[in-house]
Amino acid sequence: MGNKKWPMPYKKGSVFFQYQVKDFDRAKKFYSEILGFEITWDGGTEVGWASFALPAKGTQLGINLIRDGEHQQGSGTLTIDVEDLVVCKVLYSFLS
């Protein structure tokens, strides 16, 4: 990518990755203790959600505990908060 400017007008600090996990405590330990990501919010297994600050400034990782029967193989979500959705749709249409 080099010095190429990203064409979408996303909000700085708004890039968020989310992964579904079957073992919440194990995943939380992996991301916090093994990879060293700072836990920014932890709802525990009752809530089934924890957030981590990632090394790239303004990015976060969320883990979402899935219950029996909820898992979809290979599922994950990338969320980017944008300044203007209409502008993004126009830019996307030019790339398609």
Protein backbone atom coordinates (compact mmCIF):
# COMPACT_ATOMS: atom_id res chain seq x y z
CA MET A 1 0.00 0.00 0.00
CA GLY A 2 2.94 2.33 0.57
CA ASN A 3 2.02 6.00 0.90
CA LYS A 4 -1.27 5.60 -0.94
CA LYS A 5 -4.05 7.44 0.87
CA TRP A 6 -7.07 5.32 1.76
CA PRO A 7 -9.94 6.67 -0.36
CA MET A 8 -12.74 6.05 2.13
CA PRO A 9 -13.39 8.89 4.60
CA TYR A 10 -13.37 6.70 7.71
CA LYS A 11 -13.16 8.14 11.20
CA LYS A 12 -9.73 7.87 12.78
CA GLY A 13 -9.68 5.41 15.63
CA SER A 14 -12.72 3.53 14.41
CA VAL A 15 -11.37 0.31 12.93
CA PHE A 16 -12.71 -2.67 14.84
CA PHE A 17 -12.24 -6.41 14.30
CA GLN A 18 -14.58 -8.91 15.93
CA TYR A 19 -14.13 -12.65 16.30
CA GLN A 20 -16.47 -15.26 17.68
CA VAL A 21 -14.95 -17.61 20.25
CA LYS A 22 -16.14 -20.81 21.89
CA ASP A 23 -13.85 -20.57 24.94
CA PHE A 24 -14.05 -16.98 26.19
CA ASP A 25 -11.51 -17.24 29.02
CA ARG A 26 -8.97 -19.04 26.84
CA ALA A 27 -9.33 -16.47 24.03
CA LYS A 28 -9.09 -13.57 26.48
CA LYS A 29 -5.92 -15.06 27.99
CA PHE A 30 -4.43 -15.62 24.52
CA TYR A 31 -4.99 -12.04 23.34
CA SER A 32 -4.02 -10.38 26.61
CA GLU A 33 -1.24 -12.57 28.01
CA ILE A 34 0.28 -14.24 24.94
CA LEU A 35 -0.08 -11.40 22.39
CA GLY A 36 0.04 -8.65 25.02
CA PHE A 37 -3.03 -6.70 23.87
CA GLU A 38 -4.45 -4.40 26.55
CA ILE A 39 -7.98 -5.28 27.67
CA THR A 40 -10.08 -2.12 27.27
CA TRP A 41 -13.41 -3.65 28.30
CA ASP A 42 -14.34 -7.02 29.77
CA GLY A 43 -17.91 -8.14 30.33
CA GLY A 44 -16.85 -11.64 31.32
CA THR A 45 -18.59 -14.83 30.26
CA GLU A 46 -21.97 -13.56 31.46
CA VAL A 47 -21.92 -10.78 28.86
CA GLY A 48 -19.67 -12.71 26.48
CA TRP A 49 -17.70 -9.74 25.21
CA ALA A 50 -14.22 -8.28 25.70
CA SER A 51 -12.35 -5.57 23.78
CA PHE A 52 -8.62 -5.15 23.29
CA ALA A 53 -6.47 -2.27 22.05
CA LEU A 54 -4.40 -3.41 19.06
CA PRO A 55 -0.87 -2.20 18.25
CA ALA A 56 -2.05 -0.04 15.33
CA LYS A 57 -3.27 3.25 16.80
CA GLY A 58 -7.05 3.50 16.91
CA THR A 59 -7.75 -0.16 16.18
CA GLN A 60 -9.51 -2.60 18.47
CA LEU A 61 -10.29 -6.30 18.67
CA GLY A 62 -13.48 -7.67 20.14
CA ILE A 63 -14.12 -11.26 21.12
CA ASN A 64 -17.69 -12.45 21.26
CA LEU A 65 -18.60 -15.63 23.15
CA ILE A 66 -20.87 -17.82 21.11
CA ARG A 67 -23.24 -20.24 22.74
CA ASP A 68 -24.10 -23.75 21.52
CA GLY A 69 -25.65 -23.69 18.05
CA GLU A 70 -24.60 -20.08 17.28
CA HIS A 71 -21.23 -20.72 15.61
CA GLN A 72 -20.77 -20.12 11.91
CA GLN A 73 -17.54 -21.54 10.51
CA GLY A 74 -15.08 -18.84 9.52
CA SER A 75 -17.20 -15.98 10.80
CA GLY A 76 -15.69 -12.66 11.82
CA THR A 77 -16.49 -9.01 11.33
CA LEU A 78 -14.47 -5.93 10.38
CA THR A 79 -16.20 -2.65 11.21
CA ILE A 80 -15.02 0.76 10.00
CA ASP A 81 -16.90 3.85 11.14
CA VAL A 82 -17.07 6.29 8.22
CA GLU A 83 -17.63 10.03 8.06
CA ASP A 84 -20.12 9.92 5.17
CA LEU A 85 -21.77 6.68 4.04
CA VAL A 86 -23.02 8.19 0.75
CA VAL A 87 -19.49 9.21 -0.25
CA CYS A 88 -18.24 5.72 0.59
CA LYS A 89 -20.95 4.12 -1.54
CA VAL A 90 -20.03 6.35 -4.49
CA LEU A 91 -16.33 5.53 -4.10
CA TYR A 92 -17.15 1.82 -3.81
CA SER A 93 -19.24 1.93 -6.99
CA PHE A 94 -16.20 3.27 -8.89
CA LEU A 95 -14.08 0.40 -7.57
CA SER A 96 -16.64 -2.27 -8.48
